[in-house]
Amino acid sequence: MSVVIGVDVGGTFTDFFVLDTVSARTWVHKTSSTPANPSQAIATGLEEILGWRHFDVGEVSRLAHGTTVATNALIQRQGAPVALFVTEGFREARRATGEVRHSRRDGDGRAGLRRLLSVLIPEC
């Protein structure tokens, strides 16, 4: 058996997707996030998953993790102001900052996110 585990750390929950790459069997798991120390939710979830005894830790060939915490903070306009620094080869990402839309309404009734400060950096 070869097992791949994907982890998504969110603001409320940390989600796990487990795949046995040989049998194509999958499992999902969810645990409460720990905002003060996101790694704790990952460790807790992995311990819970290993407790199922479907596979041994030595059978895990890959662990990948990502987070939606930063995306959620941007959408909800929480945290410090942010800027996007982009090299010339990624200038399309700069354009996308003004085109992001979300269903949430601004205080003035307009839909969408405020534009981000974006700076184009010349490539060396």
PDB file of N, CA and C in Angstrom:
ATOM      1  N   MET A   1       0.854  -1.174   0.000  1.00  0.00           N
ATOM      2  CA  MET A   1       0.000   0.000   0.000  1.00  0.00           C
ATOM      3  C   MET A   1       0.896   1.232   0.000  1.00  0.00           C
ATOM      4  N   SER A   2       0.502   2.255  -0.732  1.00  0.00           N
ATOM      5  CA  SER A   2       1.160   3.554  -0.728  1.00  0.00           C
ATOM      6  C   SER A   2       0.075   4.596  -0.484  1.00  0.00           C
ATOM      7  N   VAL A   3       0.266   5.411   0.535  1.00  0.00           N
ATOM      8  CA  VAL A   3      -0.773   6.344   0.960  1.00  0.00           C
ATOM      9  C   VAL A   3      -0.299   7.782   0.748  1.00  0.00           C
ATOM     10  N   VAL A   4      -1.191   8.601   0.201  1.00  0.00           N
ATOM     11  CA  VAL A   4      -0.964  10.031   0.026  1.00  0.00           C
ATOM     12  C   VAL A   4      -1.984  10.752   0.884  1.00  0.00           C
ATOM     13  N   ILE A   5      -1.529  11.772   1.614  1.00  0.00           N
ATOM     14  CA  ILE A   5      -2.434  12.535   2.473  1.00  0.00           C
ATOM     15  C   ILE A   5      -2.359  14.005   2.087  1.00  0.00           C
ATOM     16  N   GLY A   6      -3.518  14.602   1.869  1.00  0.00           N
ATOM     17  CA  GLY A   6      -3.624  16.031   1.611  1.00  0.00           C
ATOM     18  C   GLY A   6      -4.307  16.695   2.787  1.00  0.00           C
ATOM     19  N   VAL A   7      -3.794  17.857   3.196  1.00  0.00           N
ATOM     20  CA  VAL A   7      -4.329  18.584   4.349  1.00  0.00           C
ATOM     21  C   VAL A   7      -4.622  20.025   3.933  1.00  0.00           C
ATOM     22  N   ASP A   8      -5.805  20.514   4.286  1.00  0.00           N
ATOM     23  CA  ASP A   8      -6.176  21.909   4.065  1.00  0.00           C
ATOM     24  C   ASP A   8      -6.482  22.528   5.419  1.00  0.00           C
ATOM     25  N   VAL A   9      -5.650  23.465   5.845  1.00  0.00           N
ATOM     26  CA  VAL A   9      -5.847  24.142   7.127  1.00  0.00           C
ATOM     27  C   VAL A   9      -6.724  25.356   6.885  1.00  0.00           C
ATOM     28  N   GLY A  10      -7.917  25.329   7.451  1.00  0.00           N
ATOM     29  CA  GLY A  10      -8.831  26.457   7.339  1.00  0.00           C
ATOM     30  C   GLY A  10      -8.967  27.165   8.673  1.00  0.00           C
ATOM     31  N   GLY A  11      -9.708  28.233   8.683  1.00  0.00           N
ATOM     32  CA  GLY A  11      -9.888  29.002   9.905  1.00  0.00           C
ATOM     33  C   GLY A  11     -10.704  28.281  10.963  1.00  0.00           C
ATOM     34  N   THR A  12     -11.645  27.444  10.552  1.00  0.00           N
ATOM     35  CA  THR A  12     -12.502  26.720  11.495  1.00  0.00           C
ATOM     36  C   THR A  12     -12.154  25.242  11.566  1.00  0.00           C
ATOM     37  N   PHE A  13     -11.956  24.628  10.408  1.00  0.00           N
ATOM     38  CA  PHE A  13     -11.652  23.196  10.357  1.00  0.00           C
ATOM     39  C   PHE A  13     -10.388  22.939   9.553  1.00  0.00           C
ATOM     40  N   THR A  14      -9.744  21.835   9.874  1.00  0.00           N
ATOM     41  CA  THR A  14      -8.622  21.324   9.100  1.00  0.00           C
ATOM     42  C   THR A  14      -9.110  20.027   8.460  1.00  0.00           C
ATOM     43  N   ASP A  15      -9.066  19.977   7.123  1.00  0.00           N
ATOM     44  CA  ASP A  15      -9.597  18.846   6.366  1.00  0.00           C
ATOM     45  C   ASP A  15      -8.466  17.971   5.841  1.00  0.00           C
ATOM     46  N   PHE A  16      -8.717  16.668   5.846  1.00  0.00           N
ATOM     47  CA  PHE A  16      -7.746  15.682   5.382  1.00  0.00           C
ATOM     48  C   PHE A  16      -8.377  14.825   4.296  1.00  0.00           C
ATOM     49  N   PHE A  17      -7.613  14.547   3.259  1.00  0.00           N
ATOM     50  CA  PHE A  17      -8.013  13.607   2.218  1.00  0.00           C
ATOM     51  C   PHE A  17      -6.917  12.561   2.140  1.00  0.00           C
ATOM     52  N   VAL A  18      -7.285  11.306   2.268  1.00  0.00           N
ATOM     53  CA  VAL A  18      -6.328  10.207   2.294  1.00  0.00           C
ATOM     54  C   VAL A  18      -6.617   9.293   1.105  1.00  0.00           C
ATOM     55  N   LEU A  19      -5.572   8.956   0.362  1.00  0.00           N
ATOM     56  CA  LEU A  19      -5.717   8.109  -0.817  1.00  0.00           C
ATOM     57  C   LEU A  19      -4.728   6.954  -0.749  1.00  0.00           C
ATOM     58  N   ASP A  20      -5.239   5.748  -0.857  1.00  0.00           N
ATOM     59  CA  ASP A  20      -4.397   4.565  -1.050  1.00  0.00           C
ATOM     60  C   ASP A  20      -4.191   4.475  -2.558  1.00  0.00           C
ATOM     61  N   THR A  21      -2.980   4.751  -3.018  1.00  0.00           N
ATOM     62  CA  THR A  21      -2.728   4.834  -4.457  1.00  0.00           C
ATOM     63  C   THR A  21      -2.761   3.479  -5.157  1.00  0.00           C
ATOM     64  N   VAL A  22      -2.705   2.390  -4.401  1.00  0.00           N
ATOM     65  CA  VAL A  22      -2.756   1.058  -5.004  1.00  0.00           C
ATOM     66  C   VAL A  22      -4.204   0.624  -5.232  1.00  0.00           C
ATOM     67  N   SER A  23      -5.041   0.727  -4.192  1.00  0.00           N
ATOM     68  CA  SER A  23      -6.429   0.270  -4.298  1.00  0.00           C
ATOM     69  C   SER A  23      -7.397   1.372  -4.744  1.00  0.00           C
ATOM     70  N   ALA A  24      -6.932   2.617  -4.732  1.00  0.00           N
ATOM     71  CA  ALA A  24      -7.752   3.796  -5.037  1.00  0.00           C
ATOM     72  C   ALA A  24      -8.811   4.051  -3.958  1.00  0.00           C
ATOM     73  N   ARG A  25      -8.677   3.415  -2.818  1.00  0.00           N
ATOM     74  CA  ARG A  25      -9.597   3.665  -1.697  1.00  0.00           C
ATOM     75  C   ARG A  25      -9.273   5.034  -1.098  1.00  0.00           C
ATOM     76  N   THR A  26     -10.314   5.772  -0.705  1.00  0.00           N
ATOM     77  CA  THR A  26     -10.125   7.103  -0.145  1.00  0.00           C
ATOM     78  C   THR A  26     -10.850   7.240   1.188  1.00  0.00           C
ATOM     79  N   TRP A  27     -10.348   8.133   1.997  1.00  0.00           N
ATOM     80  CA  TRP A  27     -10.974   8.498   3.259  1.00  0.00           C
ATOM     81  C   TRP A  27     -10.898  10.008   3.399  1.00  0.00           C
ATOM     82  N   VAL A  28     -11.857  10.570   4.111  1.00  0.00           N
ATOM     83  CA  VAL A  28     -11.800  11.996   4.453  1.00  0.00           C
ATOM     84  C   VAL A  28     -11.933  12.128   5.959  1.00  0.00           C
ATOM     85  N   HIS A  29     -11.363  13.184   6.472  1.00  0.00           N
ATOM     86  CA  HIS A  29     -11.398  13.432   7.915  1.00  0.00           C
ATOM     87  C   HIS A  29     -11.395  14.930   8.146  1.00  0.00           C
ATOM     88  N   LYS A  30     -11.993  15.347   9.228  1.00  0.00           N
ATOM     89  CA  LYS A  30     -12.073  16.767   9.579  1.00  0.00           C
ATOM     90  C   LYS A  30     -11.808  16.884  11.068  1.00  0.00           C
ATOM     91  N   THR A  31     -11.003  17.876  11.438  1.00  0.00           N
ATOM     92  CA  THR A  31     -10.759  18.170  12.850  1.00  0.00           C
ATOM     93  C   THR A  31     -10.807  19.679  13.036  1.00  0.00           C
ATOM     94  N   SER A  32     -11.033  20.127  14.234  1.00  0.00           N
ATOM     95  CA  SER A  32     -11.082  21.564  14.503  1.00  0.00           C
ATOM     96  C   SER A  32      -9.708  22.185  14.304  1.00  0.00           C
ATOM     97  N   SER A  33      -9.670  23.341  13.673  1.00  0.00           N
ATOM     98  CA  SER A  33      -8.416  24.061  13.501  1.00  0.00           C
ATOM     99  C   SER A  33      -7.971  24.664  14.825  1.00  0.00           C
ATOM    100  N   THR A  34      -6.707  24.945  14.921  1.00  0.00           N
ATOM    101  CA  THR A  34      -6.122  25.574  16.109  1.00  0.00           C
ATOM    102  C   THR A  34      -5.405  26.841  15.645  1.00  0.00           C
ATOM    103  N   PRO A  35      -6.131  27.964  15.527  1.00  0.00           N
ATOM    104  CA  PRO A  35      -5.556  29.184  14.947  1.00  0.00           C
ATOM    105  C   PRO A  35      -4.261  29.659  15.614  1.00  0.00           C
ATOM    106  N   ALA A  36      -4.117  29.460  16.905  1.00  0.00           N
ATOM    107  CA  ALA A  36      -2.895  29.908  17.580  1.00  0.00           C
ATOM    108  C   ALA A  36      -1.681  29.080  17.156  1.00  0.00           C
ATOM    109  N   ASN A  37      -1.911  27.831  16.720  1.00  0.00           N
ATOM    110  CA  ASN A  37      -0.823  26.953  16.286  1.00  0.00           C
ATOM    111  C   ASN A  37      -1.399  25.956  15.275  1.00  0.00           C
ATOM    112  N   PRO A  38      -1.479  26.343  13.996  1.00  0.00           N
ATOM    113  CA  PRO A  38      -2.103  25.473  12.999  1.00  0.00           C
ATOM    114  C   PRO A  38      -1.486  24.084  12.906  1.00  0.00           C
ATOM    115  N   SER A  39      -0.207  23.946  13.247  1.00  0.00           N
ATOM    116  CA  SER A  39       0.423  22.621  13.163  1.00  0.00           C
ATOM    117  C   SER A  39      -0.188  21.638  14.154  1.00  0.00           C
ATOM    118  N   GLN A  40      -0.765  22.155  15.233  1.00  0.00           N
ATOM    119  CA  GLN A  40      -1.379  21.267  16.223  1.00  0.00           C
ATOM    120  C   GLN A  40      -2.587  20.536  15.637  1.00  0.00           C
ATOM    121  N   ALA A  41      -3.399  21.231  14.843  1.00  0.00           N
ATOM    122  CA  ALA A  41      -4.553  20.583  14.205  1.00  0.00           C
ATOM    123  C   ALA A  41      -4.092  19.523  13.209  1.00  0.00           C
ATOM    124  N   ILE A  42      -2.994  19.789  12.506  1.00  0.00           N
ATOM    125  CA  ILE A  42      -2.459  18.796  11.571  1.00  0.00           C
ATOM    126  C   ILE A  42      -2.001  17.563  12.337  1.00  0.00           C
ATOM    127  N   ALA A  43      -1.245  17.770  13.413  1.00  0.00           N
ATOM    128  CA  ALA A  43      -0.754  16.637  14.211  1.00  0.00           C
ATOM    129  C   ALA A  43      -1.910  15.844  14.801  1.00  0.00           C
ATOM    130  N   THR A  44      -2.916  16.542  15.324  1.00  0.00           N
ATOM    131  CA  THR A  44      -4.074  15.861  15.914  1.00  0.00           C
ATOM    132  C   THR A  44      -4.805  15.034  14.863  1.00  0.00           C
ATOM    133  N   GLY A  45      -5.054  15.632  13.708  1.00  0.00           N
ATOM    134  CA  GLY A  45      -5.753  14.915  12.642  1.00  0.00           C
ATOM    135  C   GLY A  45      -4.986  13.704  12.157  1.00  0.00           C
ATOM    136  N   LEU A  46      -3.663  13.840  12.018  1.00  0.00           N
ATOM    137  CA  LEU A  46      -2.858  12.699  11.580  1.00  0.00           C
ATOM    138  C   LEU A  46      -2.883  11.584  12.619  1.00  0.00           C
ATOM    139  N   GLU A  47      -2.811  11.940  13.899  1.00  0.00           N
ATOM    140  CA  GLU A  47      -2.905  10.930  14.954  1.00  0.00           C
ATOM    141  C   GLU A  47      -4.248  10.210  14.897  1.00  0.00           C
ATOM    142  N   GLU A  48      -5.326  10.969  14.662  1.00  0.00           N
ATOM    143  CA  GLU A  48      -6.656  10.360  14.573  1.00  0.00           C
ATOM    144  C   GLU A  48      -6.738   9.418  13.370  1.00  0.00           C
ATOM    145  N   ILE A  49      -6.204   9.852  12.233  1.00  0.00           N
ATOM    146  CA  ILE A  49      -6.232   9.030  11.025  1.00  0.00           C
ATOM    147  C   ILE A  49      -5.422   7.746  11.227  1.00  0.00           C
ATOM    148  N   LEU A  50      -4.242   7.881  11.807  1.00  0.00           N
ATOM    149  CA  LEU A  50      -3.420   6.684  12.056  1.00  0.00           C
ATOM    150  C   LEU A  50      -4.097   5.758  13.057  1.00  0.00           C
ATOM    151  N   GLY A  51      -4.920   6.308  13.933  1.00  0.00           N
ATOM    152  CA  GLY A  51      -5.673   5.503  14.892  1.00  0.00           C
ATOM    153  C   GLY A  51      -6.717   4.610  14.247  1.00  0.00           C
ATOM    154  N   TRP A  52      -7.097   4.903  13.009  1.00  0.00           N
ATOM    155  CA  TRP A  52      -8.064   4.051  12.311  1.00  0.00           C
ATOM    156  C   TRP A  52      -7.462   2.679  11.994  1.00  0.00           C
ATOM    157  N   ARG A  53      -6.150   2.624  11.912  1.00  0.00           N
ATOM    158  CA  ARG A  53      -5.410   1.385  11.623  1.00  0.00           C
ATOM    159  C   ARG A  53      -5.669   0.833  10.211  1.00  0.00           C
ATOM    160  N   HIS A  54      -6.017   1.696   9.271  1.00  0.00           N
ATOM    161  CA  HIS A  54      -6.164   1.262   7.877  1.00  0.00           C
ATOM    162  C   HIS A  54      -4.796   1.102   7.217  1.00  0.00           C
ATOM    163  N   PHE A  55      -3.778   1.791   7.761  1.00  0.00           N
ATOM    164  CA  PHE A  55      -2.431   1.741   7.208  1.00  0.00           C
ATOM    165  C   PHE A  55      -1.450   2.183   8.287  1.00  0.00           C
ATOM    166  N   ASP A  56      -0.173   1.872   8.069  1.00  0.00           N
ATOM    167  CA  ASP A  56       0.881   2.274   8.993  1.00  0.00           C
ATOM    168  C   ASP A  56       1.533   3.561   8.507  1.00  0.00           C
ATOM    169  N   VAL A  57       2.133   4.287   9.408  1.00  0.00           N
ATOM    170  CA  VAL A  57       2.775   5.550   9.058  1.00  0.00           C
ATOM    171  C   VAL A  57       3.858   5.345   7.994  1.00  0.00           C
ATOM    172  N   GLY A  58       4.519   4.197   7.989  1.00  0.00           N
ATOM    173  CA  GLY A  58       5.543   3.913   6.987  1.00  0.00           C
ATOM    174  C   GLY A  58       5.010   3.780   5.576  1.00  0.00           C
ATOM    175  N   GLU A  59       3.703   3.646   5.435  1.00  0.00           N
ATOM    176  CA  GLU A  59       3.084   3.517   4.114  1.00  0.00           C
ATOM    177  C   GLU A  59       2.718   4.873   3.509  1.00  0.00           C
ATOM    178  N   VAL A  60       2.902   5.940   4.273  1.00  0.00           N
ATOM    179  CA  VAL A  60       2.613   7.288   3.760  1.00  0.00           C
ATOM    180  C   VAL A  60       3.779   7.725   2.885  1.00  0.00           C
ATOM    181  N   SER A  61       3.522   7.870   1.596  1.00  0.00           N
ATOM    182  CA  SER A  61       4.579   8.246   0.651  1.00  0.00           C
ATOM    183  C   SER A  61       4.632   9.748   0.406  1.00  0.00           C
ATOM    184  N   ARG A  62       3.540  10.449   0.705  1.00  0.00           N
ATOM    185  CA  ARG A  62       3.508  11.892   0.457  1.00  0.00           C
ATOM    186  C   ARG A  62       2.493  12.544   1.381  1.00  0.00           C
ATOM    187  N   LEU A  63       2.882  13.688   1.909  1.00  0.00           N
ATOM    188  CA  LEU A  63       1.980  14.519   2.709  1.00  0.00           C
ATOM    189  C   LEU A  63       2.057  15.919   2.135  1.00  0.00           C
ATOM    190  N   ALA A  64       0.937  16.429   1.673  1.00  0.00           N
ATOM    191  CA  ALA A  64       0.893  17.779   1.106  1.00  0.00           C
ATOM    192  C   ALA A  64      -0.084  18.601   1.914  1.00  0.00           C
ATOM    193  N   HIS A  65       0.259  19.867   2.132  1.00  0.00           N
ATOM    194  CA  HIS A  65      -0.660  20.701   2.899  1.00  0.00           C
ATOM    195  C   HIS A  65      -0.732  22.093   2.298  1.00  0.00           C
ATOM    196  N   GLY A  66      -1.877  22.679   2.472  1.00  0.00           N
ATOM    197  CA  GLY A  66      -2.125  24.043   2.031  1.00  0.00           C
ATOM    198  C   GLY A  66      -3.022  24.708   3.051  1.00  0.00           C
ATOM    199  N   THR A  67      -3.301  25.980   2.827  1.00  0.00           N
ATOM    200  CA  THR A  67      -4.141  26.695   3.777  1.00  0.00           C
ATOM    201  C   THR A  67      -5.033  27.691   3.071  1.00  0.00           C
ATOM    202  N   THR A  68      -6.230  27.839   3.595  1.00  0.00           N
ATOM    203  CA  THR A  68      -7.140  28.870   3.100  1.00  0.00           C
ATOM    204  C   THR A  68      -7.204  30.042   4.072  1.00  0.00           C
ATOM    205  N   VAL A  69      -6.396  29.999   5.127  1.00  0.00           N
ATOM    206  CA  VAL A  69      -6.443  31.043   6.149  1.00  0.00           C
ATOM    207  C   VAL A  69      -6.138  32.408   5.538  1.00  0.00           C
ATOM    208  N   ALA A  70      -5.087  32.508   4.733  1.00  0.00           N
ATOM    209  CA  ALA A  70      -4.728  33.794   4.134  1.00  0.00           C
ATOM    210  C   ALA A  70      -5.802  34.265   3.151  1.00  0.00           C
ATOM    211  N   THR A  71      -6.332  33.340   2.357  1.00  0.00           N
ATOM    212  CA  THR A  71      -7.387  33.696   1.406  1.00  0.00           C
ATOM    213  C   THR A  71      -8.616  34.211   2.146  1.00  0.00           C
ATOM    214  N   ASN A  72      -9.006  33.514   3.209  1.00  0.00           N
ATOM    215  CA  ASN A  72     -10.166  33.949   3.989  1.00  0.00           C
ATOM    216  C   ASN A  72      -9.935  35.313   4.618  1.00  0.00           C
ATOM    217  N   ALA A  73      -8.722  35.555   5.124  1.00  0.00           N
ATOM    218  CA  ALA A  73      -8.411  36.857   5.729  1.00  0.00           C
ATOM    219  C   ALA A  73      -8.536  37.961   4.686  1.00  0.00           C
ATOM    220  N   LEU A  74      -8.093  37.701   3.468  1.00  0.00           N
ATOM    221  CA  LEU A  74      -8.193  38.684   2.400  1.00  0.00           C
ATOM    222  C   LEU A  74      -9.653  38.950   2.042  1.00  0.00           C
ATOM    223  N   ILE A  75     -10.426  37.893   1.857  1.00  0.00           N
ATOM    224  CA  ILE A  75     -11.835  38.036   1.493  1.00  0.00           C
ATOM    225  C   ILE A  75     -12.609  38.769   2.580  1.00  0.00           C
ATOM    226  N   GLN A  76     -12.313  38.456   3.835  1.00  0.00           N
ATOM    227  CA  GLN A  76     -13.031  39.052   4.957  1.00  0.00           C
ATOM    228  C   GLN A  76     -12.434  40.385   5.395  1.00  0.00           C
ATOM    229  N   ARG A  77     -11.346  40.787   4.717  1.00  0.00           N
ATOM    230  CA  ARG A  77     -10.664  42.046   5.024  1.00  0.00           C
ATOM    231  C   ARG A  77     -10.216  42.102   6.480  1.00  0.00           C
ATOM    232  N   GLN A  78      -9.668  41.017   6.943  1.00  0.00           N
ATOM    233  CA  GLN A  78      -9.131  40.962   8.293  1.00  0.00           C
ATOM    234  C   GLN A  78      -7.617  41.018   8.204  1.00  0.00           C
ATOM    235  N   GLY A  79      -6.992  41.478   9.270  1.00  0.00           N
ATOM    236  CA  GLY A  79      -5.538  41.520   9.295  1.00  0.00           C
ATOM    237  C   GLY A  79      -5.001  42.803   8.701  1.00  0.00           C
ATOM    238  N   ALA A  80      -3.716  42.820   8.525  1.00  0.00           N
ATOM    239  CA  ALA A  80      -3.013  44.008   8.040  1.00  0.00           C
ATOM    240  C   ALA A  80      -3.246  44.205   6.548  1.00  0.00           C
ATOM    241  N   PRO A  81      -3.079  45.442   6.071  1.00  0.00           N
ATOM    242  CA  PRO A  81      -3.141  45.671   4.622  1.00  0.00           C
ATOM    243  C   PRO A  81      -2.052  44.844   3.932  1.00  0.00           C
ATOM    244  N   VAL A  82      -2.327  44.404   2.708  1.00  0.00           N
ATOM    245  CA  VAL A  82      -1.379  43.565   1.988  1.00  0.00           C
ATOM    246  C   VAL A  82      -1.033  44.171   0.638  1.00  0.00           C
ATOM    247  N   ALA A  83       0.101  43.755   0.107  1.00  0.00           N
ATOM    248  CA  ALA A  83       0.527  44.147  -1.238  1.00  0.00           C
ATOM    249  C   ALA A  83       1.013  42.905  -1.957  1.00  0.00           C
ATOM    250  N   LEU A  84       0.904  42.915  -3.256  1.00  0.00           N
ATOM    251  CA  LEU A  84       1.351  41.806  -4.085  1.00  0.00           C
ATOM    252  C   LEU A  84       2.529  42.287  -4.919  1.00  0.00           C
ATOM    253  N   PHE A  85       3.680  41.645  -4.748  1.00  0.00           N
ATOM    254  CA  PHE A  85       4.870  41.947  -5.534  1.00  0.00           C
ATOM    255  C   PHE A  85       5.028  40.847  -6.569  1.00  0.00           C
ATOM    256  N   VAL A  86       5.092  41.238  -7.853  1.00  0.00           N
ATOM    257  CA  VAL A  86       5.090  40.271  -8.933  1.00  0.00           C
ATOM    258  C   VAL A  86       6.241  40.566  -9.894  1.00  0.00           C
ATOM    259  N   THR A  87       6.947  39.503 -10.318  1.00  0.00           N
ATOM    260  CA  THR A  87       7.961  39.699 -11.347  1.00  0.00           C
ATOM    261  C   THR A  87       7.265  39.790 -12.698  1.00  0.00           C
ATOM    262  N   GLU A  88       7.981  40.343 -13.672  1.00  0.00           N
ATOM    263  CA  GLU A  88       7.388  40.579 -14.989  1.00  0.00           C
ATOM    264  C   GLU A  88       6.796  39.320 -15.607  1.00  0.00           C
ATOM    265  N   GLY A  89       7.395  38.171 -15.332  1.00  0.00           N
ATOM    266  CA  GLY A  89       6.907  36.920 -15.900  1.00  0.00           C
ATOM    267  C   GLY A  89       5.547  36.503 -15.362  1.00  0.00           C
ATOM    268  N   PHE A  90       5.112  37.110 -14.253  1.00  0.00           N
ATOM    269  CA  PHE A  90       3.826  36.771 -13.647  1.00  0.00           C
ATOM    270  C   PHE A  90       2.883  37.972 -13.636  1.00  0.00           C
ATOM    271  N   ARG A  91       3.039  38.846 -14.619  1.00  0.00           N
ATOM    272  CA  ARG A  91       2.241  40.085 -14.628  1.00  0.00           C
ATOM    273  C   ARG A  91       0.741  39.836 -14.691  1.00  0.00           C
ATOM    274  N   GLU A  92       0.318  38.671 -15.214  1.00  0.00           N
ATOM    275  CA  GLU A  92      -1.115  38.364 -15.254  1.00  0.00           C
ATOM    276  C   GLU A  92      -1.700  38.259 -13.853  1.00  0.00           C
ATOM    277  N   ALA A  93      -0.913  37.791 -12.891  1.00  0.00           N
ATOM    278  CA  ALA A  93      -1.380  37.721 -11.504  1.00  0.00           C
ATOM    279  C   ALA A  93      -1.692  39.123 -10.997  1.00  0.00           C
ATOM    280  N   ARG A  94      -0.915  40.079 -11.436  1.00  0.00           N
ATOM    281  CA  ARG A  94      -1.140  41.481 -11.029  1.00  0.00           C
ATOM    282  C   ARG A  94      -2.492  41.969 -11.541  1.00  0.00           C
ATOM    283  N   ARG A  95      -2.789  41.656 -12.789  1.00  0.00           N
ATOM    284  CA  ARG A  95      -4.069  42.066 -13.356  1.00  0.00           C
ATOM    285  C   ARG A  95      -5.236  41.403 -12.634  1.00  0.00           C
ATOM    286  N   ALA A  96      -5.037  40.169 -12.219  1.00  0.00           N
ATOM    287  CA  ALA A  96      -6.106  39.416 -11.563  1.00  0.00           C
ATOM    288  C   ALA A  96      -6.499  40.033 -10.225  1.00  0.00           C
ATOM    289  N   THR A  97      -5.607  40.793  -9.597  1.00  0.00           N
ATOM    290  CA  THR A  97      -5.941  41.359  -8.287  1.00  0.00           C
ATOM    291  C   THR A  97      -7.100  42.337  -8.367  1.00  0.00           C
ATOM    292  N   GLY A  98      -7.287  42.957  -9.501  1.00  0.00           N
ATOM    293  CA  GLY A  98      -8.406  43.885  -9.649  1.00  0.00           C
ATOM    294  C   GLY A  98      -9.665  43.225 -10.151  1.00  0.00           C
ATOM    295  N   GLU A  99      -9.594  41.927 -10.455  1.00  0.00           N
ATOM    296  CA  GLU A  99     -10.733  41.237 -11.036  1.00  0.00           C
ATOM    297  C   GLU A  99     -11.350  40.199 -10.109  1.00  0.00           C
ATOM    298  N   VAL A 100     -10.787  40.067  -8.906  1.00  0.00           N
ATOM    299  CA  VAL A 100     -11.327  39.103  -7.948  1.00  0.00           C
ATOM    300  C   VAL A 100     -12.692  39.579  -7.489  1.00  0.00           C
ATOM    301  N   ARG A 101     -13.636  38.685  -7.452  1.00  0.00           N
ATOM    302  CA  ARG A 101     -14.989  39.041  -7.017  1.00  0.00           C
ATOM    303  C   ARG A 101     -15.446  38.064  -5.960  1.00  0.00           C
ATOM    304  N   HIS A 102     -16.250  38.547  -5.060  1.00  0.00           N
ATOM    305  CA  HIS A 102     -16.815  37.714  -3.997  1.00  0.00           C
ATOM    306  C   HIS A 102     -18.222  38.219  -3.759  1.00  0.00           C
ATOM    307  N   SER A 103     -19.109  37.369  -3.315  1.00  0.00           N
ATOM    308  CA  SER A 103     -20.511  37.753  -3.176  1.00  0.00           C
ATOM    309  C   SER A 103     -20.756  38.724  -2.030  1.00  0.00           C
ATOM    310  N   ARG A 104     -19.798  38.864  -1.129  1.00  0.00           N
ATOM    311  CA  ARG A 104     -19.955  39.766   0.001  1.00  0.00           C
ATOM    312  C   ARG A 104     -20.081  41.215  -0.479  1.00  0.00           C
ATOM    313  N   ARG A 105     -20.889  41.987   0.181  1.00  0.00           N
ATOM    314  CA  ARG A 105     -21.106  43.378  -0.214  1.00  0.00           C
ATOM    315  C   ARG A 105     -20.277  44.315   0.646  1.00  0.00           C
ATOM    316  N   ASP A 106     -19.720  45.323   0.009  1.00  0.00           N
ATOM    317  CA  ASP A 106     -18.997  46.354   0.740  1.00  0.00           C
ATOM    318  C   ASP A 106     -20.000  47.224   1.476  1.00  0.00           C
ATOM    319  N   GLY A 107     -19.496  48.064   2.374  1.00  0.00           N
ATOM    320  CA  GLY A 107     -20.370  48.967   3.122  1.00  0.00           C
ATOM    321  C   GLY A 107     -21.170  49.896   2.232  1.00  0.00           C
ATOM    322  N   ASP A 108     -20.643  50.204   1.047  1.00  0.00           N
ATOM    323  CA  ASP A 108     -21.364  51.099   0.136  1.00  0.00           C
ATOM    324  C   ASP A 108     -22.260  50.332  -0.833  1.00  0.00           C
ATOM    325  N   GLY A 109     -22.423  49.013  -0.617  1.00  0.00           N
ATOM    326  CA  GLY A 109     -23.325  48.220  -1.432  1.00  0.00           C
ATOM    327  C   GLY A 109     -22.710  47.598  -2.664  1.00  0.00           C
ATOM    328  N   ARG A 110     -21.434  47.907  -2.946  1.00  0.00           N
ATOM    329  CA  ARG A 110     -20.790  47.327  -4.121  1.00  0.00           C
ATOM    330  C   ARG A 110     -20.288  45.929  -3.812  1.00  0.00           C
ATOM    331  N   ALA A 111     -20.430  45.029  -4.768  1.00  0.00           N
ATOM    332  CA  ALA A 111     -19.908  43.672  -4.588  1.00  0.00           C
ATOM    333  C   ALA A 111     -18.426  43.656  -4.933  1.00  0.00           C
ATOM    334  N   GLY A 112     -17.709  42.752  -4.332  1.00  0.00           N
ATOM    335  CA  GLY A 112     -16.318  42.545  -4.716  1.00  0.00           C
ATOM    336  C   GLY A 112     -15.335  42.938  -3.639  1.00  0.00           C
ATOM    337  N   LEU A 113     -14.089  42.640  -3.900  1.00  0.00           N
ATOM    338  CA  LEU A 113     -13.001  42.945  -2.977  1.00  0.00           C
ATOM    339  C   LEU A 113     -12.368  44.273  -3.360  1.00  0.00           C
ATOM    340  N   ARG A 114     -11.782  44.933  -2.383  1.00  0.00           N
ATOM    341  CA  ARG A 114     -11.018  46.134  -2.712  1.00  0.00           C
ATOM    342  C   ARG A 114      -9.816  45.718  -3.539  1.00  0.00           C
ATOM    343  N   ARG A 115      -9.345  46.615  -4.346  1.00  0.00           N
ATOM    344  CA  ARG A 115      -8.143  46.319  -5.132  1.00  0.00           C
ATOM    345  C   ARG A 115      -6.951  46.235  -4.205  1.00  0.00           C
ATOM    346  N   LEU A 116      -6.048  45.340  -4.541  1.00  0.00           N
ATOM    347  CA  LEU A 116      -4.813  45.207  -3.788  1.00  0.00           C
ATOM    348  C   LEU A 116      -3.761  46.128  -4.379  1.00  0.00           C
ATOM    349  N   LEU A 117      -2.869  46.607  -3.532  1.00  0.00           N
ATOM    350  CA  LEU A 117      -1.694  47.290  -4.027  1.00  0.00           C
ATOM    351  C   LEU A 117      -0.823  46.236  -4.682  1.00  0.00           C
ATOM    352  N   SER A 118      -0.493  46.420  -5.954  1.00  0.00           N
ATOM    353  CA  SER A 118       0.376  45.457  -6.620  1.00  0.00           C
ATOM    354  C   SER A 118       1.533  46.204  -7.263  1.00  0.00           C
ATOM    355  N   VAL A 119       2.709  45.621  -7.176  1.00  0.00           N
ATOM    356  CA  VAL A 119       3.934  46.246  -7.657  1.00  0.00           C
ATOM    357  C   VAL A 119       4.622  45.290  -8.607  1.00  0.00           C
ATOM    358  N   LEU A 120       4.973  45.786  -9.806  1.00  0.00           N
ATOM    359  CA  LEU A 120       5.674  44.971 -10.786  1.00  0.00           C
ATOM    360  C   LEU A 120       7.174  45.123 -10.580  1.00  0.00           C
ATOM    361  N   ILE A 121       7.859  44.005 -10.389  1.00  0.00           N
ATOM    362  CA  ILE A 121       9.298  43.986 -10.137  1.00  0.00           C
ATOM    363  C   ILE A 121      10.012  43.526 -11.415  1.00  0.00           C
ATOM    364  N   PRO A 122      10.975  44.305 -11.929  1.00  0.00           N
ATOM    365  CA  PRO A 122      11.710  43.846 -13.122  1.00  0.00           C
ATOM    366  C   PRO A 122      12.530  42.590 -12.791  1.00  0.00           C
ATOM    367  N   GLU A 123      12.598  41.673 -13.763  1.00  0.00           N
ATOM    368  CA  GLU A 123      13.399  40.463 -13.567  1.00  0.00           C
ATOM    369  C   GLU A 123      14.855  40.797 -13.883  1.00  0.00           C
ATOM    370  N   CYS A 124      15.754  40.207 -13.124  1.00  0.00           N
ATOM    371  CA  CYS A 124      17.200  40.456 -13.313  1.00  0.00           C
ATOM    372  C   CYS A 124      17.747  39.628 -14.434  1.00  0.00           C
TER     373      CYS A 124
END
